[in-house]
Amino acid sequence: MGQAADSPWFVPVLARLRVPGRVGRPRTRPGAVVGDTAYSSRANQAYLRGRGIRAVIPEKADQAAHRKRKGRRGGRPVRHDADLSKERNTVERLINKLKDWRGIATRYDKTPGSYLAGLQLRASMIWIKELARTTP
């Protein structure tokens, strides 16, 4: 994650996002989005702000310097919740576990359906392994 090729998919992925609740239809707007500096573009920030979603994305050093150089016209600094950002580590570790499987890490599967099936299979394997480890 965090490569230049990931950022253009930020808005399409969020547009398809569904957050299930206990009752009713799933929400299409999460409370916050946590990401790394690859997603700190002004377009991504504006999209989140327009949808009322809190962004927990640190600002790149060059973006901060550019904003400061512009003075008052540069706008406010991006708010960053460091504590919530630390929880991103859990997701990053899961992604690394998924990538331990060579088929996912190298993206051998050509179709989105087969790639998704591989992700689901690998996630199931991780879940079963954790379940066996924690069950007495």
N, C-alpha and C. Protein backbone atom coordinates (compact mmCIF):
# COMPACT_ATOMS: atom_id res chain seq x y z
N MET A 1 0.84 -1.17 0.00
CA MET A 1 0.00 0.00 0.00
C MET A 1 0.88 1.24 0.00
N GLY A 2 0.28 2.37 -0.25
CA GLY A 2 1.00 3.60 -0.19
C GLY A 2 1.80 3.92 -1.44
N GLN A 3 1.62 3.18 -2.52
CA GLN A 3 2.32 3.49 -3.75
C GLN A 3 1.49 4.49 -4.56
N ALA A 4 2.14 5.15 -5.50
CA ALA A 4 1.44 6.16 -6.30
C ALA A 4 0.24 5.55 -7.03
N ALA A 5 0.32 4.28 -7.40
CA ALA A 5 -0.77 3.65 -8.12
C ALA A 5 -1.99 3.39 -7.25
N ASP A 6 -1.85 3.44 -5.94
CA ASP A 6 -2.98 3.21 -5.05
C ASP A 6 -3.89 4.42 -4.92
N SER A 7 -3.34 5.61 -4.97
CA SER A 7 -4.10 6.82 -4.70
C SER A 7 -5.28 7.05 -5.65
N PRO A 8 -5.16 6.78 -6.95
CA PRO A 8 -6.33 6.99 -7.82
C PRO A 8 -7.53 6.11 -7.46
N TRP A 9 -7.32 5.03 -6.74
CA TRP A 9 -8.40 4.14 -6.35
C TRP A 9 -9.06 4.55 -5.05
N PHE A 10 -8.58 5.60 -4.42
CA PHE A 10 -9.09 6.03 -3.12
C PHE A 10 -10.59 6.34 -3.18
N VAL A 11 -10.99 7.21 -4.08
CA VAL A 11 -12.40 7.61 -4.18
C VAL A 11 -13.29 6.46 -4.67
N PRO A 12 -12.90 5.69 -5.72
CA PRO A 12 -13.77 4.58 -6.13
C PRO A 12 -13.98 3.53 -5.04
N VAL A 13 -12.94 3.25 -4.27
CA VAL A 13 -13.10 2.27 -3.18
C VAL A 13 -14.04 2.80 -2.12
N LEU A 14 -13.89 4.07 -1.73
CA LEU A 14 -14.78 4.64 -0.73
C LEU A 14 -16.22 4.73 -1.24
N ALA A 15 -16.39 4.92 -2.53
CA ALA A 15 -17.75 4.99 -3.09
C ALA A 15 -18.47 3.65 -2.98
N ARG A 16 -17.72 2.56 -2.98
CA ARG A 16 -18.33 1.23 -2.88
C ARG A 16 -18.41 0.72 -1.44
N LEU A 17 -17.89 1.47 -0.52
CA LEU A 17 -17.82 1.05 0.88
C LEU A 17 -19.20 0.97 1.51
N ARG A 18 -19.42 -0.09 2.27
CA ARG A 18 -20.66 -0.26 3.03
C ARG A 18 -20.28 -0.69 4.45
N VAL A 19 -20.75 0.07 5.45
CA VAL A 19 -20.45 -0.23 6.85
C VAL A 19 -21.72 -0.78 7.48
N PRO A 20 -21.79 -2.11 7.74
CA PRO A 20 -23.02 -2.68 8.29
C PRO A 20 -23.23 -2.26 9.74
N GLY A 21 -24.48 -2.07 10.08
CA GLY A 21 -24.86 -1.77 11.46
C GLY A 21 -25.71 -2.90 12.01
N ARG A 22 -26.26 -2.69 13.19
CA ARG A 22 -27.09 -3.74 13.79
C ARG A 22 -28.43 -3.86 13.10
N VAL A 23 -29.00 -2.73 12.69
CA VAL A 23 -30.29 -2.74 12.00
C VAL A 23 -30.23 -1.80 10.81
N GLY A 24 -31.14 -2.00 9.87
CA GLY A 24 -31.23 -1.10 8.73
C GLY A 24 -30.19 -1.38 7.67
N ARG A 25 -30.22 -0.53 6.68
CA ARG A 25 -29.27 -0.71 5.58
C ARG A 25 -27.88 -0.23 5.99
N PRO A 26 -26.84 -0.74 5.36
CA PRO A 26 -25.47 -0.35 5.72
C PRO A 26 -25.21 1.13 5.43
N ARG A 27 -24.38 1.72 6.26
CA ARG A 27 -23.98 3.11 6.04
C ARG A 27 -22.99 3.17 4.89
N THR A 28 -23.04 4.24 4.13
CA THR A 28 -22.10 4.42 3.03
C THR A 28 -21.00 5.41 3.40
N ARG A 29 -21.02 5.86 4.64
CA ARG A 29 -20.05 6.85 5.07
C ARG A 29 -19.46 6.43 6.42
N PRO A 30 -18.18 6.07 6.46
CA PRO A 30 -17.56 5.73 7.74
C PRO A 30 -17.33 6.98 8.57
N GLY A 31 -17.07 6.79 9.85
CA GLY A 31 -16.79 7.93 10.73
C GLY A 31 -15.45 8.57 10.43
N ALA A 32 -14.48 7.75 10.06
CA ALA A 32 -13.13 8.26 9.76
C ALA A 32 -12.45 7.34 8.77
N VAL A 33 -11.49 7.89 8.05
CA VAL A 33 -10.65 7.12 7.14
C VAL A 33 -9.21 7.32 7.59
N VAL A 34 -8.51 6.22 7.84
CA VAL A 34 -7.13 6.27 8.26
C VAL A 34 -6.26 5.81 7.10
N GLY A 35 -5.25 6.60 6.76
CA GLY A 35 -4.37 6.25 5.66
C GLY A 35 -2.98 6.80 5.87
N ASP A 36 -2.08 6.43 4.98
CA ASP A 36 -0.73 6.97 5.09
C ASP A 36 -0.59 8.18 4.16
N THR A 37 0.61 8.74 4.10
CA THR A 37 0.81 9.98 3.38
C THR A 37 0.55 9.87 1.87
N ALA A 38 0.51 8.67 1.33
CA ALA A 38 0.23 8.52 -0.10
C ALA A 38 -1.18 9.01 -0.45
N TYR A 39 -2.06 9.07 0.52
CA TYR A 39 -3.45 9.47 0.29
C TYR A 39 -3.73 10.90 0.76
N SER A 40 -2.69 11.71 0.96
CA SER A 40 -2.87 13.04 1.54
C SER A 40 -3.12 14.13 0.49
N SER A 41 -3.45 13.76 -0.72
CA SER A 41 -3.65 14.77 -1.77
C SER A 41 -4.82 15.69 -1.42
N ARG A 42 -4.80 16.87 -2.00
CA ARG A 42 -5.87 17.84 -1.75
C ARG A 42 -7.21 17.31 -2.26
N ALA A 43 -7.18 16.56 -3.37
CA ALA A 43 -8.42 16.01 -3.92
C ALA A 43 -9.03 15.00 -2.95
N ASN A 44 -8.21 14.12 -2.38
CA ASN A 44 -8.72 13.14 -1.42
C ASN A 44 -9.24 13.83 -0.18
N GLN A 45 -8.52 14.82 0.31
CA GLN A 45 -8.96 15.56 1.50
C GLN A 45 -10.29 16.28 1.23
N ALA A 46 -10.40 16.88 0.04
CA ALA A 46 -11.64 17.59 -0.31
C ALA A 46 -12.81 16.62 -0.43
N TYR A 47 -12.57 15.45 -1.00
CA TYR A 47 -13.63 14.45 -1.13
C TYR A 47 -14.14 14.04 0.26
N LEU A 48 -13.22 13.75 1.17
CA LEU A 48 -13.61 13.35 2.52
C LEU A 48 -14.35 14.48 3.22
N ARG A 49 -13.84 15.70 3.10
CA ARG A 49 -14.48 16.84 3.75
C ARG A 49 -15.89 17.05 3.20
N GLY A 50 -16.05 16.89 1.87
CA GLY A 50 -17.36 17.06 1.25
C GLY A 50 -18.37 16.02 1.70
N ARG A 51 -17.91 14.83 2.05
CA ARG A 51 -18.81 13.78 2.52
C ARG A 51 -18.95 13.75 4.03
N GLY A 52 -18.25 14.65 4.73
CA GLY A 52 -18.35 14.70 6.18
C GLY A 52 -17.62 13.56 6.88
N ILE A 53 -16.55 13.06 6.26
CA ILE A 53 -15.76 11.96 6.82
C ILE A 53 -14.47 12.54 7.38
N ARG A 54 -14.16 12.18 8.61
CA ARG A 54 -12.92 12.66 9.23
C ARG A 54 -11.73 11.94 8.61
N ALA A 55 -10.75 12.71 8.18
CA ALA A 55 -9.53 12.16 7.58
C ALA A 55 -8.44 12.06 8.63
N VAL A 56 -7.88 10.88 8.79
CA VAL A 56 -6.74 10.68 9.68
C VAL A 56 -5.58 10.27 8.78
N ILE A 57 -5.10 11.27 8.04
CA ILE A 57 -4.04 11.05 7.06
C ILE A 57 -2.98 12.12 7.30
N PRO A 58 -1.76 11.72 7.65
CA PRO A 58 -0.73 12.72 7.88
C PRO A 58 -0.37 13.47 6.60
N GLU A 59 0.02 14.71 6.77
CA GLU A 59 0.39 15.55 5.63
C GLU A 59 1.85 15.30 5.26
N LYS A 60 2.12 15.23 3.97
CA LYS A 60 3.50 15.06 3.51
C LYS A 60 4.30 16.31 3.86
N ALA A 61 5.58 16.14 4.07
CA ALA A 61 6.45 17.26 4.45
C ALA A 61 6.47 18.33 3.36
N ASP A 62 6.52 17.93 2.09
CA ASP A 62 6.56 18.93 1.02
C ASP A 62 5.23 19.67 0.89
N GLN A 63 4.13 18.98 1.17
CA GLN A 63 2.82 19.66 1.14
C GLN A 63 2.72 20.67 2.27
N ALA A 64 3.22 20.32 3.44
CA ALA A 64 3.19 21.25 4.58
C ALA A 64 4.06 22.47 4.29
N ALA A 65 5.24 22.24 3.71
CA ALA A 65 6.13 23.35 3.39
C ALA A 65 5.49 24.27 2.35
N HIS A 66 4.85 23.69 1.35
CA HIS A 66 4.18 24.49 0.31
C HIS A 66 3.04 25.31 0.92
N ARG A 67 2.26 24.69 1.79
CA ARG A 67 1.16 25.39 2.44
C ARG A 67 1.68 26.54 3.28
N LYS A 68 2.75 26.32 4.01
CA LYS A 68 3.33 27.38 4.86
C LYS A 68 3.91 28.51 4.01
N ARG A 69 4.49 28.15 2.86
CA ARG A 69 5.06 29.17 1.97
C ARG A 69 3.97 30.11 1.45
N LYS A 70 2.78 29.60 1.28
CA LYS A 70 1.68 30.41 0.77
C LYS A 70 1.11 31.34 1.84
N GLY A 71 1.52 31.13 3.07
CA GLY A 71 1.03 32.00 4.15
C GLY A 71 -0.44 31.75 4.45
N ARG A 72 -1.19 32.85 4.65
CA ARG A 72 -2.61 32.72 4.99
C ARG A 72 -3.41 32.06 3.87
N ARG A 73 -2.98 32.23 2.62
CA ARG A 73 -3.70 31.64 1.50
C ARG A 73 -3.50 30.13 1.42
N GLY A 74 -2.53 29.61 2.18
CA GLY A 74 -2.24 28.18 2.14
C GLY A 74 -3.24 27.32 2.89
N GLY A 75 -4.07 27.95 3.69
CA GLY A 75 -5.08 27.20 4.43
C GLY A 75 -4.58 26.68 5.76
N ARG A 76 -5.45 25.99 6.43
CA ARG A 76 -5.12 25.44 7.75
C ARG A 76 -4.34 24.15 7.62
N PRO A 77 -3.54 23.86 8.64
CA PRO A 77 -2.85 22.56 8.63
C PRO A 77 -3.86 21.42 8.77
N VAL A 78 -3.51 20.29 8.23
CA VAL A 78 -4.37 19.12 8.33
C VAL A 78 -4.36 18.62 9.77
N ARG A 79 -5.56 18.38 10.33
CA ARG A 79 -5.61 17.80 11.67
C ARG A 79 -5.27 16.33 11.57
N HIS A 80 -4.51 15.86 12.54
CA HIS A 80 -4.07 14.47 12.49
C HIS A 80 -4.22 13.86 13.88
N ASP A 81 -5.01 12.80 13.99
CA ASP A 81 -5.21 12.09 15.25
C ASP A 81 -4.17 10.97 15.34
N ALA A 82 -3.09 11.23 16.08
CA ALA A 82 -1.99 10.28 16.15
C ALA A 82 -2.42 8.96 16.80
N ASP A 83 -3.30 9.01 17.79
CA ASP A 83 -3.73 7.78 18.47
C ASP A 83 -4.52 6.87 17.53
N LEU A 84 -5.42 7.44 16.76
CA LEU A 84 -6.19 6.64 15.80
C LEU A 84 -5.28 6.13 14.68
N SER A 85 -4.31 6.93 14.33
CA SER A 85 -3.38 6.52 13.28
C SER A 85 -2.55 5.31 13.71
N LYS A 86 -2.26 5.20 15.00
CA LYS A 86 -1.49 4.05 15.51
C LYS A 86 -2.26 2.75 15.34
N GLU A 87 -3.60 2.82 15.38
CA GLU A 87 -4.40 1.62 15.22
C GLU A 87 -4.34 1.07 13.79
N ARG A 88 -3.87 1.89 12.87
CA ARG A 88 -3.68 1.45 11.50
C ARG A 88 -2.68 0.30 11.41
N ASN A 89 -1.82 0.22 12.41
CA ASN A 89 -0.81 -0.84 12.47
C ASN A 89 -1.45 -2.22 12.41
N THR A 90 -2.59 -2.40 13.04
CA THR A 90 -3.29 -3.68 13.03
C THR A 90 -3.66 -4.08 11.60
N VAL A 91 -4.17 -3.13 10.85
CA VAL A 91 -4.56 -3.40 9.46
C VAL A 91 -3.32 -3.69 8.62
N GLU A 92 -2.26 -2.92 8.84
CA GLU A 92 -1.02 -3.14 8.08
C GLU A 92 -0.46 -4.54 8.34
N ARG A 93 -0.53 -5.00 9.59
CA ARG A 93 -0.04 -6.35 9.90
C ARG A 93 -0.89 -7.41 9.22
N LEU A 94 -2.21 -7.20 9.15
CA LEU A 94 -3.07 -8.15 8.44
C LEU A 94 -2.73 -8.19 6.96
N ILE A 95 -2.52 -7.03 6.37
CA ILE A 95 -2.15 -6.99 4.95
C ILE A 95 -0.85 -7.75 4.72
N ASN A 96 0.10 -7.59 5.62
CA ASN A 96 1.36 -8.33 5.49
C ASN A 96 1.15 -9.83 5.61
N LYS A 97 0.23 -10.26 6.49
CA LYS A 97 -0.09 -11.69 6.60
C LYS A 97 -0.74 -12.20 5.32
N LEU A 98 -1.60 -11.38 4.72
CA LEU A 98 -2.22 -11.77 3.46
C LEU A 98 -1.17 -11.91 2.37
N LYS A 99 -0.21 -11.01 2.36
CA LYS A 99 0.82 -11.03 1.33
C LYS A 99 1.85 -12.14 1.53
N ASP A 100 1.80 -12.82 2.68
CA ASP A 100 2.68 -13.98 2.88
C ASP A 100 2.37 -15.07 1.86
N TRP A 101 1.16 -15.07 1.37
CA TRP A 101 0.76 -16.03 0.35
C TRP A 101 1.18 -15.47 -0.99
N ARG A 102 2.02 -16.17 -1.70
CA ARG A 102 2.66 -15.66 -2.90
C ARG A 102 1.66 -15.23 -3.98
N GLY A 103 0.57 -15.94 -4.11
CA GLY A 103 -0.42 -15.59 -5.12
C GLY A 103 -1.01 -14.21 -4.93
N ILE A 104 -1.12 -13.78 -3.68
CA ILE A 104 -1.66 -12.45 -3.40
C ILE A 104 -0.57 -11.40 -3.53
N ALA A 105 0.60 -11.70 -3.02
CA ALA A 105 1.70 -10.73 -3.05
C ALA A 105 2.10 -10.38 -4.49
N THR A 106 2.07 -11.36 -5.38
CA THR A 106 2.52 -11.13 -6.76
C THR A 106 1.37 -10.86 -7.72
N ARG A 107 0.14 -10.98 -7.24
CA ARG A 107 -1.06 -10.72 -8.04
C ARG A 107 -1.08 -11.55 -9.33
N TYR A 108 -0.87 -12.85 -9.17
CA TYR A 108 -0.92 -13.76 -10.31
C TYR A 108 -2.30 -13.81 -10.94
N ASP A 109 -3.32 -13.73 -10.11
CA ASP A 109 -4.69 -13.85 -10.62
C ASP A 109 -5.01 -12.66 -11.51
N LYS A 110 -5.53 -12.94 -12.68
CA LYS A 110 -5.78 -11.88 -13.66
C LYS A 110 -7.14 -11.23 -13.50
N THR A 111 -8.12 -11.97 -12.99
CA THR A 111 -9.46 -11.40 -12.88
C THR A 111 -9.72 -10.95 -11.45
N PRO A 112 -10.50 -9.90 -11.28
CA PRO A 112 -10.81 -9.43 -9.92
C PRO A 112 -11.51 -10.50 -9.09
N GLY A 113 -12.36 -11.31 -9.73
CA GLY A 113 -13.09 -12.35 -9.00
C GLY A 113 -12.17 -13.41 -8.42
N SER A 114 -11.19 -13.85 -9.20
CA SER A 114 -10.28 -14.87 -8.69
C SER A 114 -9.33 -14.29 -7.65
N TYR A 115 -8.95 -13.02 -7.81
CA TYR A 115 -8.10 -12.38 -6.81
C TYR A 115 -8.86 -12.23 -5.48
N LEU A 116 -10.12 -11.83 -5.56
CA LEU A 116 -10.95 -11.71 -4.36
C LEU A 116 -11.13 -13.07 -3.70
N ALA A 117 -11.32 -14.12 -4.49
CA ALA A 117 -11.45 -15.47 -3.94
C ALA A 117 -10.17 -15.86 -3.21
N GLY A 118 -9.02 -15.53 -3.77
CA GLY A 118 -7.75 -15.81 -3.11
C GLY A 118 -7.61 -15.05 -1.80
N LEU A 119 -8.03 -13.79 -1.79
CA LEU A 119 -8.00 -13.00 -0.55
C LEU A 119 -8.89 -13.62 0.51
N GLN A 120 -10.09 -14.04 0.11
CA GLN A 120 -11.02 -14.64 1.07
C GLN A 120 -10.49 -15.97 1.59
N LEU A 121 -9.89 -16.75 0.73
CA LEU A 121 -9.31 -18.02 1.15
C LEU A 121 -8.17 -17.80 2.13
N ARG A 122 -7.28 -16.87 1.81
CA ARG A 122 -6.15 -16.58 2.70
C ARG A 122 -6.64 -16.01 4.04
N ALA A 123 -7.64 -15.13 4.01
CA ALA A 123 -8.18 -14.59 5.26
C ALA A 123 -8.79 -15.69 6.11
N SER A 124 -9.47 -16.64 5.47
CA SER A 124 -10.04 -17.78 6.20
C SER A 124 -8.94 -18.62 6.84
N MET A 125 -7.85 -18.83 6.10
CA MET A 125 -6.73 -19.61 6.65
C MET A 125 -6.12 -18.92 7.86
N ILE A 126 -5.97 -17.58 7.79
CA ILE A 126 -5.43 -16.82 8.92
C ILE A 126 -6.37 -16.92 10.11
N TRP A 127 -7.68 -16.78 9.86
CA TRP A 127 -8.66 -16.83 10.93
C TRP A 127 -8.67 -18.19 11.61
N ILE A 128 -8.63 -19.27 10.83
CA ILE A 128 -8.63 -20.63 11.39
C ILE A 128 -7.36 -20.86 12.21
N LYS A 129 -6.24 -20.39 11.71
CA LYS A 129 -4.97 -20.55 12.43
C LYS A 129 -5.00 -19.81 13.77
N GLU A 130 -5.54 -18.59 13.77
CA GLU A 130 -5.65 -17.82 15.02
C GLU A 130 -6.64 -18.48 15.97
N LEU A 131 -7.72 -19.02 15.43
CA LEU A 131 -8.74 -19.68 16.25
C LEU A 131 -8.13 -20.92 16.92
N ALA A 132 -7.35 -21.69 16.17
CA ALA A 132 -6.71 -22.88 16.73
C ALA A 132 -5.67 -22.52 17.78
N ARG A 133 -5.02 -21.37 17.59
CA ARG A 133 -3.98 -20.95 18.53
C ARG A 133 -4.58 -20.47 19.85
N THR A 134 -5.75 -19.82 19.80
CA THR A 134 -6.33 -19.25 21.02
C THR A 134 -7.32 -20.17 21.72
N THR A 135 -7.79 -21.21 21.04
CA THR A 135 -8.75 -22.14 21.65
C THR A 135 -8.01 -23.21 22.44
N PRO A 136 -8.40 -23.40 23.72
CA PRO A 136 -7.70 -24.42 24.53
C PRO A 136 -8.03 -25.83 24.13
